[in-house]
Amino acid sequence: MADKTVTRADLTEAVYRAVGLSRSESAVFVETILEEITQRLEQGETVKLSSFGTFAVRDKKERIGRNPKTGVEVPITPRRVLTFRPSHVLKDQINRQMLKKAEGQ
């Protein structure tokens, strides 16, 4: 599906090229943004990035699961899970890109 994974270094390089900060300043900028998002999510806040999507933390209660191989019931501990819901703008952009690729083949 995806040929490449975007890394922090890739984001830093993109900021460096687009904004004109030094590479080290761009790295600090990217780290600061990611740290802010992480802290807000740790506090249970929702992070909405306009035209991109919404990150939210959900609390899941304890429940009983089953080992599919053995059938043995196992308690699944309560936990917090991170969810991402893409915006319609992002979905539309991705679908347009897919259509362009399909037309080019």
N, C-alpha and C. Protein backbone atom coordinates (compact mmCIF):
# COMPACT_ATOMS: atom_id res chain seq x y z
N MET A 1 0.83 -1.19 0.00
CA MET A 1 0.00 0.00 0.00
C MET A 1 0.87 1.25 0.00
N ALA A 2 1.53 1.54 1.10
CA ALA A 2 2.40 2.72 1.16
C ALA A 2 3.83 2.29 0.86
N ASP A 3 4.48 3.06 0.02
CA ASP A 3 5.86 2.74 -0.34
C ASP A 3 6.84 3.23 0.72
N LYS A 4 6.47 4.27 1.46
CA LYS A 4 7.39 4.89 2.40
C LYS A 4 6.66 5.30 3.66
N THR A 5 7.37 5.24 4.76
CA THR A 5 6.85 5.73 6.03
C THR A 5 7.48 7.09 6.30
N VAL A 6 6.67 8.06 6.67
CA VAL A 6 7.17 9.40 6.99
C VAL A 6 7.66 9.39 8.43
N THR A 7 8.88 9.84 8.63
CA THR A 7 9.49 9.86 9.95
C THR A 7 9.60 11.29 10.48
N ARG A 8 10.02 11.41 11.73
CA ARG A 8 10.26 12.74 12.31
C ARG A 8 11.30 13.48 11.49
N ALA A 9 12.31 12.75 11.04
CA ALA A 9 13.36 13.39 10.22
C ALA A 9 12.77 13.93 8.92
N ASP A 10 11.84 13.22 8.33
CA ASP A 10 11.18 13.69 7.10
C ASP A 10 10.37 14.96 7.39
N LEU A 11 9.66 14.97 8.50
CA LEU A 11 8.89 16.16 8.88
C LEU A 11 9.82 17.35 9.13
N THR A 12 10.93 17.07 9.81
CA THR A 12 11.91 18.13 10.09
C THR A 12 12.45 18.70 8.79
N GLU A 13 12.78 17.83 7.85
CA GLU A 13 13.29 18.27 6.54
C GLU A 13 12.25 19.10 5.79
N ALA A 14 10.98 18.70 5.87
CA ALA A 14 9.91 19.44 5.21
C ALA A 14 9.76 20.84 5.81
N VAL A 15 9.84 20.94 7.13
CA VAL A 15 9.76 22.25 7.80
C VAL A 15 10.96 23.09 7.39
N TYR A 16 12.13 22.48 7.36
CA TYR A 16 13.37 23.18 6.97
C TYR A 16 13.21 23.78 5.57
N ARG A 17 12.69 23.00 4.63
CA ARG A 17 12.54 23.48 3.25
C ARG A 17 11.43 24.52 3.11
N ALA A 18 10.32 24.32 3.82
CA ALA A 18 9.15 25.19 3.65
C ALA A 18 9.26 26.51 4.41
N VAL A 19 9.80 26.45 5.62
CA VAL A 19 9.79 27.63 6.48
C VAL A 19 11.11 28.38 6.44
N GLY A 20 12.20 27.66 6.23
CA GLY A 20 13.48 28.33 6.16
C GLY A 20 14.22 28.40 7.49
N LEU A 21 13.73 27.69 8.49
CA LEU A 21 14.46 27.62 9.75
C LEU A 21 15.69 26.73 9.53
N SER A 22 16.64 26.80 10.46
CA SER A 22 17.77 25.89 10.36
C SER A 22 17.27 24.47 10.62
N ARG A 23 18.09 23.48 10.29
CA ARG A 23 17.67 22.09 10.51
C ARG A 23 17.45 21.83 12.00
N SER A 24 18.31 22.37 12.84
CA SER A 24 18.14 22.13 14.28
C SER A 24 16.90 22.85 14.81
N GLU A 25 16.62 24.04 14.33
CA GLU A 25 15.41 24.76 14.74
C GLU A 25 14.16 24.02 14.23
N SER A 26 14.25 23.48 13.02
CA SER A 26 13.13 22.71 12.47
C SER A 26 12.86 21.46 13.30
N ALA A 27 13.93 20.80 13.76
CA ALA A 27 13.78 19.61 14.60
C ALA A 27 13.11 19.97 15.92
N VAL A 28 13.53 21.09 16.52
CA VAL A 28 12.92 21.54 17.78
C VAL A 28 11.44 21.87 17.55
N PHE A 29 11.14 22.50 16.44
CA PHE A 29 9.77 22.86 16.10
C PHE A 29 8.88 21.62 16.01
N VAL A 30 9.34 20.61 15.25
CA VAL A 30 8.57 19.37 15.09
C VAL A 30 8.41 18.68 16.43
N GLU A 31 9.48 18.57 17.21
CA GLU A 31 9.41 17.93 18.53
C GLU A 31 8.45 18.66 19.45
N THR A 32 8.45 19.98 19.41
CA THR A 32 7.56 20.78 20.26
C THR A 32 6.10 20.51 19.92
N ILE A 33 5.79 20.48 18.64
CA ILE A 33 4.41 20.21 18.20
C ILE A 33 3.97 18.82 18.66
N LEU A 34 4.82 17.81 18.40
CA LEU A 34 4.46 16.44 18.78
C LEU A 34 4.34 16.29 20.30
N GLU A 35 5.20 16.95 21.04
CA GLU A 35 5.14 16.89 22.50
C GLU A 35 3.86 17.54 23.02
N GLU A 36 3.47 18.65 22.43
CA GLU A 36 2.24 19.34 22.85
C GLU A 36 1.02 18.45 22.58
N ILE A 37 0.97 17.84 21.42
CA ILE A 37 -0.14 16.93 21.10
C ILE A 37 -0.17 15.77 22.09
N THR A 38 1.01 15.19 22.36
CA THR A 38 1.10 14.06 23.29
C THR A 38 0.62 14.45 24.69
N GLN A 39 1.07 15.60 25.19
CA GLN A 39 0.68 16.04 26.53
C GLN A 39 -0.83 16.25 26.62
N ARG A 40 -1.41 16.85 25.61
CA ARG A 40 -2.86 17.10 25.63
C ARG A 40 -3.63 15.78 25.63
N LEU A 41 -3.17 14.81 24.84
CA LEU A 41 -3.83 13.51 24.81
C LEU A 41 -3.66 12.78 26.14
N GLU A 42 -2.49 12.88 26.76
CA GLU A 42 -2.27 12.26 28.07
C GLU A 42 -3.23 12.83 29.11
N GLN A 43 -3.57 14.11 28.98
CA GLN A 43 -4.50 14.76 29.90
C GLN A 43 -5.95 14.44 29.58
N GLY A 44 -6.17 13.67 28.52
CA GLY A 44 -7.53 13.28 28.15
C GLY A 44 -8.23 14.28 27.26
N GLU A 45 -7.51 15.27 26.76
CA GLU A 45 -8.11 16.26 25.88
C GLU A 45 -8.19 15.72 24.45
N THR A 46 -9.08 16.28 23.67
CA THR A 46 -9.19 15.96 22.25
C THR A 46 -8.35 16.96 21.48
N VAL A 47 -7.62 16.49 20.49
CA VAL A 47 -6.79 17.36 19.66
C VAL A 47 -7.38 17.38 18.26
N LYS A 48 -7.85 18.55 17.84
CA LYS A 48 -8.46 18.70 16.52
C LYS A 48 -7.56 19.57 15.67
N LEU A 49 -7.10 19.01 14.55
CA LEU A 49 -6.29 19.75 13.60
C LEU A 49 -7.17 20.02 12.38
N SER A 50 -7.56 21.26 12.21
CA SER A 50 -8.49 21.64 11.16
C SER A 50 -7.99 21.15 9.80
N SER A 51 -8.89 20.63 9.02
CA SER A 51 -8.63 20.08 7.68
C SER A 51 -7.73 18.85 7.70
N PHE A 52 -7.45 18.30 8.88
CA PHE A 52 -6.64 17.09 8.97
C PHE A 52 -7.42 15.99 9.68
N GLY A 53 -7.75 16.22 10.96
CA GLY A 53 -8.51 15.22 11.69
C GLY A 53 -8.49 15.47 13.18
N THR A 54 -9.07 14.52 13.92
CA THR A 54 -9.22 14.65 15.37
C THR A 54 -8.65 13.42 16.06
N PHE A 55 -7.77 13.68 17.02
CA PHE A 55 -7.23 12.63 17.87
C PHE A 55 -7.99 12.68 19.19
N ALA A 56 -8.39 11.53 19.69
CA ALA A 56 -9.10 11.49 20.97
C ALA A 56 -8.69 10.24 21.74
N VAL A 57 -8.79 10.33 23.06
CA VAL A 57 -8.50 9.20 23.93
C VAL A 57 -9.82 8.67 24.46
N ARG A 58 -10.00 7.35 24.37
CA ARG A 58 -11.20 6.71 24.90
C ARG A 58 -10.80 5.78 26.02
N ASP A 59 -11.62 5.75 27.05
CA ASP A 59 -11.41 4.81 28.15
C ASP A 59 -12.21 3.55 27.86
N LYS A 60 -11.53 2.41 27.90
CA LYS A 60 -12.21 1.13 27.70
C LYS A 60 -12.30 0.43 29.04
N LYS A 61 -13.46 -0.12 29.32
CA LYS A 61 -13.68 -0.82 30.58
C LYS A 61 -13.09 -2.22 30.54
N GLU A 62 -12.95 -2.80 31.72
CA GLU A 62 -12.51 -4.19 31.79
C GLU A 62 -13.59 -5.08 31.18
N ARG A 63 -13.13 -6.11 30.48
CA ARG A 63 -14.08 -7.04 29.88
C ARG A 63 -13.44 -8.42 29.80
N ILE A 64 -14.25 -9.37 29.50
CA ILE A 64 -13.77 -10.74 29.36
C ILE A 64 -13.55 -11.01 27.87
N GLY A 65 -12.34 -11.47 27.55
CA GLY A 65 -12.01 -11.86 26.19
C GLY A 65 -11.85 -13.36 26.14
N ARG A 66 -11.64 -13.88 24.96
CA ARG A 66 -11.49 -15.32 24.80
C ARG A 66 -10.32 -15.59 23.88
N ASN A 67 -9.46 -16.50 24.31
CA ASN A 67 -8.35 -16.93 23.47
C ASN A 67 -8.96 -17.72 22.31
N PRO A 68 -8.80 -17.26 21.07
CA PRO A 68 -9.45 -17.94 19.96
C PRO A 68 -8.92 -19.35 19.71
N LYS A 69 -7.70 -19.61 20.12
CA LYS A 69 -7.11 -20.92 19.88
C LYS A 69 -7.61 -21.95 20.90
N THR A 70 -7.66 -21.54 22.18
CA THR A 70 -8.01 -22.49 23.23
C THR A 70 -9.43 -22.33 23.76
N GLY A 71 -10.02 -21.16 23.53
CA GLY A 71 -11.35 -20.91 24.05
C GLY A 71 -11.37 -20.48 25.50
N VAL A 72 -10.19 -20.36 26.12
CA VAL A 72 -10.10 -19.97 27.53
C VAL A 72 -10.45 -18.49 27.68
N GLU A 73 -11.31 -18.19 28.67
CA GLU A 73 -11.67 -16.81 28.95
C GLU A 73 -10.54 -16.12 29.69
N VAL A 74 -10.26 -14.88 29.28
CA VAL A 74 -9.17 -14.10 29.87
C VAL A 74 -9.70 -12.69 30.13
N PRO A 75 -9.45 -12.15 31.34
CA PRO A 75 -9.88 -10.77 31.58
C PRO A 75 -8.98 -9.80 30.83
N ILE A 76 -9.58 -8.84 30.17
CA ILE A 76 -8.84 -7.77 29.49
C ILE A 76 -8.93 -6.55 30.38
N THR A 77 -7.78 -6.05 30.81
CA THR A 77 -7.73 -4.95 31.78
C THR A 77 -8.25 -3.66 31.16
N PRO A 78 -8.74 -2.76 32.02
CA PRO A 78 -9.18 -1.46 31.50
C PRO A 78 -7.97 -0.71 30.94
N ARG A 79 -8.22 0.08 29.91
CA ARG A 79 -7.12 0.80 29.29
C ARG A 79 -7.65 2.01 28.54
N ARG A 80 -6.73 2.84 28.15
CA ARG A 80 -7.06 4.00 27.33
C ARG A 80 -6.55 3.73 25.92
N VAL A 81 -7.36 4.05 24.93
CA VAL A 81 -6.96 3.85 23.54
C VAL A 81 -7.03 5.17 22.79
N LEU A 82 -6.13 5.33 21.86
CA LEU A 82 -6.08 6.52 21.04
C LEU A 82 -6.84 6.28 19.75
N THR A 83 -7.71 7.21 19.39
CA THR A 83 -8.45 7.08 18.14
C THR A 83 -8.14 8.30 17.27
N PHE A 84 -8.24 8.11 15.97
CA PHE A 84 -8.06 9.20 15.01
C PHE A 84 -9.20 9.16 14.04
N ARG A 85 -9.82 10.30 13.86
CA ARG A 85 -10.90 10.42 12.88
C ARG A 85 -10.48 11.47 11.86
N PRO A 86 -10.23 11.06 10.62
CA PRO A 86 -9.80 12.02 9.61
C PRO A 86 -10.93 12.97 9.23
N SER A 87 -10.54 14.20 8.87
CA SER A 87 -11.54 15.17 8.44
C SER A 87 -12.02 14.82 7.04
N HIS A 88 -13.14 15.40 6.65
CA HIS A 88 -13.66 15.17 5.31
C HIS A 88 -12.70 15.75 4.27
N VAL A 89 -12.02 16.84 4.61
CA VAL A 89 -11.06 17.45 3.69
C VAL A 89 -9.93 16.46 3.40
N LEU A 90 -9.40 15.82 4.44
CA LEU A 90 -8.33 14.84 4.26
C LEU A 90 -8.82 13.63 3.47
N LYS A 91 -10.00 13.13 3.81
CA LYS A 91 -10.56 11.98 3.09
C LYS A 91 -10.73 12.30 1.61
N ASP A 92 -11.27 13.47 1.31
CA ASP A 92 -11.50 13.86 -0.08
C ASP A 92 -10.18 13.98 -0.84
N GLN A 93 -9.18 14.55 -0.18
CA GLN A 93 -7.88 14.72 -0.81
C GLN A 93 -7.25 13.37 -1.13
N ILE A 94 -7.33 12.44 -0.20
CA ILE A 94 -6.78 11.10 -0.40
C ILE A 94 -7.52 10.38 -1.53
N ASN A 95 -8.84 10.50 -1.55
CA ASN A 95 -9.62 9.85 -2.60
C ASN A 95 -9.35 10.46 -3.97
N ARG A 96 -9.16 11.78 -4.03
CA ARG A 96 -8.82 12.43 -5.30
C ARG A 96 -7.48 11.90 -5.82
N GLN A 97 -6.52 11.75 -4.91
CA GLN A 97 -5.21 11.24 -5.29
C GLN A 97 -5.32 9.81 -5.81
N MET A 98 -6.14 9.00 -5.17
CA MET A 98 -6.34 7.62 -5.61
C MET A 98 -6.96 7.59 -7.01
N LEU A 99 -7.93 8.46 -7.26
CA LEU A 99 -8.57 8.51 -8.57
C LEU A 99 -7.58 8.94 -9.66
N LYS A 100 -6.70 9.88 -9.33
CA LYS A 100 -5.69 10.32 -10.30
C LYS A 100 -4.76 9.16 -10.66
N LYS A 101 -4.37 8.37 -9.64
CA LYS A 101 -3.50 7.23 -9.91
C LYS A 101 -4.22 6.19 -10.76
N ALA A 102 -5.50 5.96 -10.47
CA ALA A 102 -6.27 4.96 -11.23
C ALA A 102 -6.44 5.40 -12.68
N GLU A 103 -6.62 6.69 -12.91
CA GLU A 103 -6.79 7.20 -14.29
C GLU A 103 -5.49 7.10 -15.06
N GLY A 104 -4.36 7.23 -14.36
CA GLY A 104 -3.06 7.20 -15.02
C GLY A 104 -2.62 5.80 -15.41
N GLN A 105 -3.26 4.78 -14.89
CA GLN A 105 -2.84 3.40 -15.19
C GLN A 105 -3.47 2.89 -16.45
